[in-house]
Amino acid sequence: MAEDDAPIAPAHAPLSLTVPEPAVRPGGQPDFSGVPIPRAGTVRRPEVTEDPEAMRDLAFTIIRVLNREGEAVGPWAEALDLTDEDLLAGLRHMMMLRTYDARMMTAQRQQKTSFYMQHLGEEAISCAFRKALEPGDMNFPTYRQAGLLIADDYPLSEMMNQVYSNDGDRLRGRQLPVMYSSKEHGFFTISGNLATQFIQAVGWAMASAISGDTRISAGWIGDGSTAESDFHAALVFASTYKAPVVLNIVNNQWAISTFQGIARGGAGTFAARGLGFGIPALRVDGNDYLAVYAAAKWAVERARRNLGPTVVEYVTYRAGGHSTSDDPNAYRPAAESAAWPLGDPVLRLKAHLIARGLWSEERHAQAEAEVLATITNAQKQAEAIGTLHSGRRPSPKDMFEDVYAEMPPHLKKQRQEAGF
């Protein structure tokens, strides 16, 4: 073979990609040993005026208040302003949300509604955060923050009317079940297209500041949706204009069926995403009602004092399926929820109240019965109006309403052609 005809050795190895893999698959043994969890009370609490660059460490730890004995410890606990009545109400709100979920899940299985999404294991996040806000503040939630409404005493029967899409539904059947809306309760209409909440929350906060108002906003997103472009666009604007907004990331370990590592990339934590934009970031135990409230108050104060946005990641676990259309056993071990090391938010606050002498096992059993009676009564009221296949439902003509301030000719024509 002539020298010129000799094969040329490749200068580089073939390119390849890395596909992240969850720690364990269905049928395997759940293992959370790789999740570093600091002892309760050991994470420092900075002043709200601290420079974001000086508090980068808080994006890589977990703020915790409640220890294994049910005691509230550490600097974040010392800053709490919750009364005994506030704590008892917080427990009741979480119990209410959990029972509401259970009743609506059963209703879906009975074909009284087409769809439902529960909050099992995540109740502390929305219930506690709502108590850190003031009237007039606006949340831009996803479908797993119904606790914002329950903790603000929104009527349960109104929520059920929306789930059933009956004639009492304020949204007139135009929205997927669980996509509530209430301006008076600071709950912006939910969008099924996730991540839009972040840019909407930032825009609303900017508008509030431009108008000289005092109200702030809060955006909500799940770990999977942080991979959407809207998430990054929101952080750019929030950072540039120091918008008075709290940007909440609920890291419940799973998107629909993909584990958090797919969306997180190489950032280490979701909170760390804020650091690249110069935004202070906190990482919080999302199953600790007191830690969620303490971090929320801190972030809300920053926004209210014109100190700019805060990114808050709540580390929690989605104990149930993504929705009634999902079977989590297809992509994760059945025992994984029980192995989650941060425990159950309801049981942890219950233990704290018992440790303080404010609660007991007997009182808890009584409260469970009271909550169930309240939920059952609200359900009877809603079902008396109608469910998916029976009772009174909104008129089809409602689909033409509330689209324009004045209905244009082409919609009038379509309505007439439809017989309305």
Protein backbone atom coordinates (compact mmCIF):
# COMPACT_ATOMS: atom_id res chain seq x y z
CA MET A 1 0.00 0.00 0.00
CA ALA A 2 1.32 3.37 -0.95
CA GLU A 3 2.05 5.76 1.87
CA ASP A 4 -0.57 8.19 0.54
CA ASP A 5 -3.23 5.46 0.67
CA ALA A 6 -2.76 4.61 4.37
CA PRO A 7 -5.96 5.14 6.50
CA ILE A 8 -5.99 8.32 8.54
CA ALA A 9 -6.47 7.68 12.25
CA PRO A 10 -9.28 9.82 13.75
CA ALA A 11 -7.98 12.71 15.79
CA HIS A 12 -10.85 12.48 18.31
CA ALA A 13 -13.09 9.82 19.76
CA PRO A 14 -16.73 9.78 18.54
CA LEU A 15 -19.01 12.26 20.29
CA SER A 16 -21.55 11.00 22.81
CA LEU A 17 -24.26 12.31 25.11
CA THR A 18 -24.95 11.69 28.77
CA VAL A 19 -28.54 10.83 29.66
CA PRO A 20 -29.23 11.32 33.39
CA GLU A 21 -30.63 8.29 35.18
CA PRO A 22 -32.72 8.19 38.36
CA ALA A 23 -31.09 6.53 41.34
CA VAL A 24 -33.57 3.66 41.28
CA ARG A 25 -36.20 2.20 38.97
CA PRO A 26 -39.54 0.47 39.73
CA GLY A 27 -38.90 -2.74 41.63
CA GLY A 28 -35.71 -1.37 43.17
CA GLN A 29 -35.02 -0.28 46.73
CA PRO A 30 -35.60 3.48 47.32
CA ASP A 31 -32.41 5.27 48.30
CA PHE A 32 -32.22 8.90 49.42
CA SER A 33 -28.80 8.59 51.02
CA GLY A 34 -27.46 11.01 48.43
CA VAL A 35 -29.75 13.81 49.61
CA PRO A 36 -27.75 15.90 52.12
CA ILE A 37 -30.07 17.08 54.88
CA PRO A 38 -28.63 19.45 57.51
CA ARG A 39 -29.84 19.27 61.09
CA ALA A 40 -32.77 21.52 61.90
CA GLY A 41 -31.75 24.95 63.12
CA THR A 42 -28.20 24.87 61.75
CA VAL A 43 -28.66 27.03 58.63
CA ARG A 44 -28.02 30.73 59.19
CA ARG A 45 -30.65 33.41 58.62
CA PRO A 46 -29.20 36.48 56.84
CA GLU A 47 -30.56 39.97 57.10
CA VAL A 48 -32.96 40.72 54.26
CA THR A 49 -30.57 43.46 53.16
CA GLU A 50 -27.60 41.09 52.75
CA ASP A 51 -25.92 41.22 49.37
CA PRO A 52 -26.97 38.25 47.18
CA GLU A 53 -23.33 37.44 46.46
CA ALA A 54 -22.67 36.97 50.18
CA MET A 55 -25.45 34.42 50.64
CA ARG A 56 -24.74 31.99 47.83
CA ASP A 57 -24.40 29.21 50.39
CA LEU A 58 -28.15 29.25 51.08
CA ALA A 59 -28.87 27.92 47.58
CA PHE A 60 -27.03 24.67 48.37
CA THR A 61 -28.37 23.71 51.79
CA ILE A 62 -31.87 23.22 53.24
CA ILE A 63 -33.45 25.59 55.76
CA ARG A 64 -35.15 23.52 58.47
CA VAL A 65 -36.90 24.56 61.69
CA LEU A 66 -38.61 21.47 63.11
CA ASN A 67 -36.33 18.76 64.52
CA ARG A 68 -37.16 15.11 65.06
CA GLU A 69 -38.59 15.85 68.52
CA GLY A 70 -41.04 18.36 67.09
CA GLU A 71 -39.14 21.34 68.50
CA ALA A 72 -38.70 24.60 66.56
CA VAL A 73 -35.00 25.45 66.71
CA GLY A 74 -32.44 27.81 65.20
CA PRO A 75 -32.37 31.39 63.86
CA TRP A 76 -35.28 30.95 61.47
CA ALA A 77 -37.44 29.73 64.35
CA GLU A 78 -36.44 32.74 66.45
CA ALA A 79 -37.77 35.08 63.75
CA LEU A 80 -41.22 33.46 63.63
CA ASP A 81 -44.20 35.62 64.53
CA LEU A 82 -46.87 32.90 64.51
CA THR A 83 -49.25 32.68 67.45
CA ASP A 84 -50.60 29.45 68.88
CA GLU A 85 -53.84 30.14 67.03
CA ASP A 86 -51.92 30.61 63.78
CA LEU A 87 -50.22 27.22 64.19
CA LEU A 88 -53.48 25.44 64.97
CA ALA A 89 -55.07 27.08 61.92
CA GLY A 90 -52.11 25.99 59.80
CA LEU A 91 -52.57 22.37 60.82
CA ARG A 92 -56.27 22.57 60.08
CA HIS A 93 -55.63 24.09 56.64
CA MET A 94 -53.30 21.23 55.70
CA MET A 95 -55.78 18.66 57.02
CA MET A 96 -58.54 20.37 55.05
CA LEU A 97 -56.52 20.28 51.83
CA ARG A 98 -55.62 16.62 52.30
CA THR A 99 -59.23 15.61 52.98
CA TYR A 100 -60.49 17.75 50.10
CA ASP A 101 -58.03 15.96 47.83
CA ALA A 102 -59.16 12.54 48.99
CA ARG A 103 -62.84 13.35 48.37
CA MET A 104 -62.18 14.79 44.93
CA MET A 105 -59.97 11.85 43.95
CA THR A 106 -62.84 9.53 44.85
CA ALA A 107 -65.27 11.73 42.95
CA GLN A 108 -63.12 11.40 39.84
CA ARG A 109 -63.07 7.61 40.17
CA GLN A 110 -66.88 7.77 40.45
CA GLN A 111 -66.94 9.72 37.16
CA LYS A 112 -68.34 12.84 38.83
CA THR A 113 -65.50 14.85 37.31
CA SER A 114 -63.15 14.20 34.42
CA PHE A 115 -59.82 14.93 36.09
CA TYR A 116 -58.12 15.82 39.35
CA MET A 117 -54.64 16.58 40.72
CA GLN A 118 -53.84 16.11 44.41
CA HIS A 119 -51.29 17.75 46.74
CA LEU A 120 -50.40 14.76 48.91
CA GLY A 121 -47.11 15.46 50.72
CA GLU A 122 -46.93 19.10 49.56
CA GLU A 123 -49.63 20.71 51.72
CA ALA A 124 -47.28 22.79 53.88
CA ILE A 125 -45.90 24.80 50.98
CA SER A 126 -49.00 26.60 49.74
CA CYS A 127 -50.80 26.67 53.10
CA ALA A 128 -47.86 28.28 54.93
CA PHE A 129 -46.88 30.63 52.11
CA ARG A 130 -50.35 32.17 51.98
CA LYS A 131 -50.04 33.29 55.60
CA ALA A 132 -46.91 35.28 54.75
CA LEU A 133 -48.79 37.47 52.25
CA GLU A 134 -51.07 40.46 52.71
CA PRO A 135 -54.48 41.14 51.15
CA GLY A 136 -54.07 42.32 47.58
CA ASP A 137 -50.87 40.40 46.88
CA MET A 138 -51.21 38.18 43.81
CA ASN A 139 -50.19 34.56 43.31
CA PHE A 140 -49.59 33.09 39.87
CA PRO A 141 -50.00 29.41 40.77
CA THR A 142 -49.79 26.05 39.09
CA TYR A 143 -52.33 23.29 39.68
CA ARG A 144 -50.83 22.15 43.00
CA GLN A 145 -51.27 25.28 45.12
CA ALA A 146 -54.92 25.01 46.14
CA GLY A 147 -53.73 25.55 49.72
CA LEU A 148 -53.38 29.23 48.85
CA LEU A 149 -57.16 29.34 48.57
CA ILE A 150 -57.96 27.08 51.51
CA ALA A 151 -55.63 29.01 53.83
CA ASP A 152 -57.42 32.19 52.76
CA ASP A 153 -60.86 30.74 53.58
CA TYR A 154 -62.07 30.46 50.00
CA PRO A 155 -65.41 28.57 49.99
CA LEU A 156 -64.83 24.84 49.53
CA SER A 157 -68.10 24.39 47.65
CA GLU A 158 -66.94 27.02 45.14
CA MET A 159 -63.77 25.01 44.54
CA MET A 160 -65.83 21.86 44.04
CA ASN A 161 -68.18 23.63 41.63
CA GLN A 162 -65.16 24.35 39.47
CA VAL A 163 -63.95 20.74 39.67
CA TYR A 164 -67.42 19.50 38.68
CA SER A 165 -67.86 22.20 35.99
CA ASN A 166 -71.45 22.61 37.12
CA ASP A 167 -73.75 25.62 36.91
CA GLY A 168 -72.19 27.08 40.04
CA ASP A 169 -68.72 27.20 38.47
CA ARG A 170 -67.60 30.84 38.28
CA LEU A 171 -65.51 29.96 35.23
CA ARG A 172 -68.54 28.45 33.50
CA GLY A 173 -66.81 25.20 32.57
CA ARG A 174 -64.15 26.94 30.49
CA GLN A 175 -61.22 25.64 32.54
CA LEU A 176 -59.88 22.16 33.20
CA PRO A 177 -60.86 20.92 36.71
CA VAL A 178 -58.57 22.25 39.53
CA MET A 179 -57.65 25.35 37.51
CA TYR A 180 -59.29 27.82 39.88
CA SER A 181 -59.39 31.60 39.69
CA SER A 182 -60.12 34.24 42.32
CA LYS A 183 -58.94 37.82 42.03
CA GLU A 184 -60.26 38.73 45.47
CA HIS A 185 -58.20 35.95 47.04
CA GLY A 186 -55.03 36.80 45.12
CA PHE A 187 -55.18 33.67 42.97
CA PHE A 188 -54.57 34.40 39.29
CA THR A 189 -56.29 32.11 36.79
CA ILE A 190 -54.23 28.94 36.38
CA SER A 191 -52.70 28.18 33.00
CA GLY A 192 -52.23 24.57 31.95
CA ASN A 193 -49.19 25.64 29.96
CA LEU A 194 -46.63 25.62 32.75
CA ALA A 195 -43.87 28.20 33.25
CA THR A 196 -46.08 31.03 31.97
CA GLN A 197 -46.77 31.74 35.65
CA PHE A 198 -43.25 33.07 36.16
CA ILE A 199 -43.25 35.70 33.44
CA GLN A 200 -46.80 36.72 34.37
CA ALA A 201 -45.83 37.14 38.03
CA VAL A 202 -42.81 39.26 37.14
CA GLY A 203 -44.85 41.41 34.76
CA TRP A 204 -47.57 41.93 37.37
CA ALA A 205 -44.97 42.90 39.98
CA MET A 206 -43.38 45.37 37.58
CA ALA A 207 -46.79 46.90 36.85
CA SER A 208 -47.48 47.21 40.58
CA ALA A 209 -44.18 49.07 41.04
CA ILE A 210 -44.74 51.30 38.02
CA SER A 211 -48.15 52.31 39.38
CA GLY A 212 -46.70 53.11 42.81
CA ASP A 213 -48.69 50.36 44.53
CA THR A 214 -47.58 48.36 47.60
CA ARG A 215 -48.72 44.91 46.47
CA ILE A 216 -46.25 42.21 45.50
CA SER A 217 -46.64 39.02 43.49
CA ALA A 218 -45.51 35.41 43.79
CA GLY A 219 -44.82 33.07 40.90
CA TRP A 220 -45.03 29.28 41.18
CA ILE A 221 -43.38 26.58 39.11
CA GLY A 222 -42.49 22.89 39.39
CA ASP A 223 -39.05 21.39 39.02
CA GLY A 224 -39.78 20.03 35.54
CA SER A 225 -41.01 23.36 34.19
CA THR A 226 -37.79 25.16 35.11
CA ALA A 227 -36.48 23.76 31.81
CA GLU A 228 -38.94 25.99 29.92
CA SER A 229 -37.68 29.21 28.33
CA ASP A 230 -40.30 31.27 30.21
CA PHE A 231 -38.53 30.44 33.47
CA HIS A 232 -35.26 32.00 32.30
CA ALA A 233 -36.96 35.01 30.69
CA ALA A 234 -38.70 35.73 33.98
CA LEU A 235 -35.41 35.67 35.90
CA VAL A 236 -33.83 38.08 33.42
CA PHE A 237 -36.57 40.67 33.85
CA ALA A 238 -36.88 40.15 37.61
CA SER A 239 -33.16 40.62 38.03
CA THR A 240 -32.80 43.58 35.67
CA TYR A 241 -35.66 45.61 37.11
CA LYS A 242 -35.55 44.28 40.70
CA ALA A 243 -39.21 43.39 40.49
CA PRO A 244 -41.05 42.94 43.82
CA VAL A 245 -41.72 39.23 43.33
CA VAL A 246 -41.07 35.91 45.05
CA LEU A 247 -40.25 33.16 42.55
CA ASN A 248 -41.18 29.79 44.06
CA ILE A 249 -39.89 26.46 42.73
CA VAL A 250 -41.66 23.39 44.12
CA ASN A 251 -39.15 20.58 43.74
CA ASN A 252 -41.24 17.48 44.38
CA GLN A 253 -38.59 15.25 42.73
CA TRP A 254 -40.70 14.33 39.69
CA ALA A 255 -42.20 16.10 36.69
CA ILE A 256 -44.92 13.97 35.10
CA SER A 257 -42.73 10.88 34.82
CA THR A 258 -39.18 12.22 34.62
CA PHE A 259 -37.01 12.69 37.70
CA GLN A 260 -35.64 16.07 38.73
CA GLY A 261 -32.18 15.48 37.24
CA ILE A 262 -33.53 15.92 33.70
CA ALA A 263 -34.64 19.53 34.28
CA ARG A 264 -31.99 20.52 36.81
CA GLY A 265 -29.05 19.89 34.51
CA GLY A 266 -25.67 20.56 36.07
CA ALA A 267 -26.80 23.35 38.38
CA GLY A 268 -26.66 21.19 41.52
CA THR A 269 -29.89 22.67 42.90
CA PHE A 270 -32.80 24.54 41.39
CA ALA A 271 -32.24 27.44 43.78
CA ALA A 272 -28.76 27.86 42.31
CA ARG A 273 -30.39 28.93 39.03
CA GLY A 274 -31.10 32.30 40.63
CA LEU A 275 -27.43 32.93 41.42
CA GLY A 276 -26.50 33.31 37.77
CA PHE A 277 -28.93 36.22 37.56
CA GLY A 278 -27.71 37.88 40.76
CA ILE A 279 -30.92 36.94 42.57
CA PRO A 280 -30.70 35.72 46.19
CA ALA A 281 -31.85 32.13 46.54
CA LEU A 282 -33.08 30.01 49.42
CA ARG A 283 -33.53 26.26 49.62
CA VAL A 284 -36.17 25.18 52.12
CA ASP A 285 -37.57 22.01 53.67
CA GLY A 286 -40.96 21.99 51.95
CA ASN A 287 -42.40 19.49 54.44
CA ASP A 288 -41.72 21.82 57.38
CA TYR A 289 -44.62 24.28 57.79
CA LEU A 290 -42.56 26.59 60.01
CA ALA A 291 -39.55 26.64 57.66
CA VAL A 292 -41.76 27.44 54.67
CA TYR A 293 -43.45 30.29 56.53
CA ALA A 294 -40.16 31.69 57.84
CA ALA A 295 -38.52 31.68 54.40
CA ALA A 296 -41.64 33.10 52.76
CA LYS A 297 -41.79 35.99 55.25
CA TRP A 298 -38.12 36.76 54.58
CA ALA A 299 -38.60 36.79 50.81
CA VAL A 300 -41.86 38.75 51.00
CA GLU A 301 -40.19 41.40 53.16
CA ARG A 302 -37.39 41.80 50.60
CA ALA A 303 -39.93 42.36 47.85
CA ARG A 304 -42.00 44.77 49.95
CA ARG A 305 -38.91 46.82 50.84
CA ASN A 306 -37.91 47.27 47.18
CA LEU A 307 -34.93 44.96 47.59
CA GLY A 308 -35.91 42.90 44.57
CA PRO A 309 -36.83 39.29 43.79
CA THR A 310 -35.97 36.09 45.63
CA VAL A 311 -35.86 32.54 44.27
CA VAL A 312 -37.08 29.94 46.77
CA GLU A 313 -36.79 26.20 46.17
CA TYR A 314 -39.00 23.99 48.35
CA VAL A 315 -37.60 20.48 48.66
CA THR A 316 -40.55 18.10 48.96
CA TYR A 317 -41.94 14.90 47.48
CA ARG A 318 -45.02 14.20 45.36
CA ALA A 319 -46.45 11.28 47.31
CA GLY A 320 -49.25 10.57 44.84
CA GLY A 321 -49.49 10.40 41.09
CA HIS A 322 -49.04 13.42 38.87
CA SER A 323 -52.79 13.37 38.24
CA THR A 324 -55.68 10.93 38.04
CA SER A 325 -54.35 10.08 34.56
CA ASP A 326 -51.00 8.91 35.96
CA ASP A 327 -49.69 5.69 37.51
CA PRO A 328 -46.42 6.52 39.32
CA ASN A 329 -45.64 2.83 39.83
CA ALA A 330 -44.65 2.75 36.17
CA TYR A 331 -41.59 4.95 36.74
CA ARG A 332 -40.64 4.86 40.44
CA PRO A 333 -40.60 2.31 43.28
CA ALA A 334 -43.91 1.93 45.10
CA ALA A 335 -42.17 2.35 48.48
CA GLU A 336 -40.31 5.53 47.51
CA SER A 337 -42.83 7.89 49.12
CA ALA A 338 -42.57 6.13 52.50
CA ALA A 339 -38.78 6.34 52.29
CA TRP A 340 -38.71 10.12 51.74
CA PRO A 341 -36.50 11.43 54.59
CA LEU A 342 -38.28 14.75 55.23
CA GLY A 343 -41.45 13.06 56.43
CA ASP A 344 -45.10 14.06 56.31
CA PRO A 345 -45.86 17.80 56.72
CA VAL A 346 -49.13 17.21 58.57
CA LEU A 347 -47.59 14.78 61.04
CA ARG A 348 -44.59 17.05 61.64
CA LEU A 349 -46.68 20.11 62.56
CA LYS A 350 -48.97 17.87 64.62
CA ALA A 351 -45.91 16.61 66.56
CA HIS A 352 -44.78 20.20 67.16
CA LEU A 353 -48.16 21.19 68.57
CA ILE A 354 -48.26 18.11 70.81
CA ALA A 355 -44.73 18.86 72.06
CA ARG A 356 -45.90 22.35 73.01
CA GLY A 357 -48.97 21.06 74.80
CA LEU A 358 -51.33 22.66 72.29
CA TRP A 359 -52.62 19.42 70.77
CA SER A 360 -53.13 15.73 71.47
CA GLU A 361 -53.86 12.50 69.63
CA GLU A 362 -57.45 12.66 70.84
CA ARG A 363 -57.89 16.23 69.64
CA HIS A 364 -56.35 15.32 66.30
CA ALA A 365 -58.80 12.45 65.78
CA GLN A 366 -61.64 14.81 66.65
CA ALA A 367 -60.31 17.42 64.20
CA GLU A 368 -60.11 14.81 61.44
CA ALA A 369 -63.79 14.04 61.96
CA GLU A 370 -64.67 17.75 61.98
CA VAL A 371 -62.72 18.39 58.80
CA LEU A 372 -64.32 15.43 57.05
CA ALA A 373 -67.78 16.67 58.05
CA THR A 374 -66.98 20.14 56.69
CA ILE A 375 -65.70 18.74 53.38
CA THR A 376 -68.62 16.33 53.06
CA ASN A 377 -71.12 19.14 53.63
CA ALA A 378 -69.45 21.31 50.99
CA GLN A 379 -69.48 18.38 48.58
CA LYS A 380 -73.20 17.87 49.10
CA GLN A 381 -73.80 21.54 48.30
CA ALA A 382 -71.78 21.33 45.09
CA GLU A 383 -73.28 18.04 43.94
CA ALA A 384 -76.79 19.39 44.55
CA ILE A 385 -76.02 21.78 41.68
CA GLY A 386 -74.48 19.14 39.44
CA THR A 387 -71.55 16.93 38.48
CA LEU A 388 -69.99 15.88 35.20
CA HIS A 389 -72.90 13.72 34.03
CA SER A 390 -75.87 15.02 36.01
CA GLY A 391 -77.54 18.16 37.33
CA ARG A 392 -77.28 21.72 36.10
CA ARG A 393 -74.37 22.64 33.85
CA PRO A 394 -73.27 25.92 32.25
CA SER A 395 -74.89 26.80 28.94
CA PRO A 396 -72.78 26.25 25.80
CA LYS A 397 -73.45 29.88 24.94
CA ASP A 398 -71.05 30.84 27.75
CA MET A 399 -68.12 29.87 25.54
CA PHE A 400 -68.76 33.00 23.50
CA GLU A 401 -68.84 35.35 26.49
CA ASP A 402 -65.96 37.18 28.23
CA VAL A 403 -63.64 36.94 25.23
CA TYR A 404 -63.97 40.56 24.11
CA ALA A 405 -65.27 43.64 25.92
CA GLU A 406 -67.82 43.89 23.10
CA MET A 407 -68.66 40.77 21.16
CA PRO A 408 -67.49 41.13 17.52
CA PRO A 409 -69.82 40.24 14.63
CA HIS A 410 -68.14 36.93 13.79
CA LEU A 411 -68.69 35.59 17.34
CA LYS A 412 -72.31 36.76 17.31
CA LYS A 413 -72.76 34.86 14.07
CA GLN A 414 -71.14 31.73 15.47
CA ARG A 415 -73.33 31.90 18.57
CA GLN A 416 -76.47 32.23 16.44
CA GLU A 417 -75.38 29.32 14.24
CA ALA A 418 -74.93 27.23 17.40
CA GLY A 419 -78.52 28.00 18.36
CA PHE A 420 -77.86 30.55 21.09
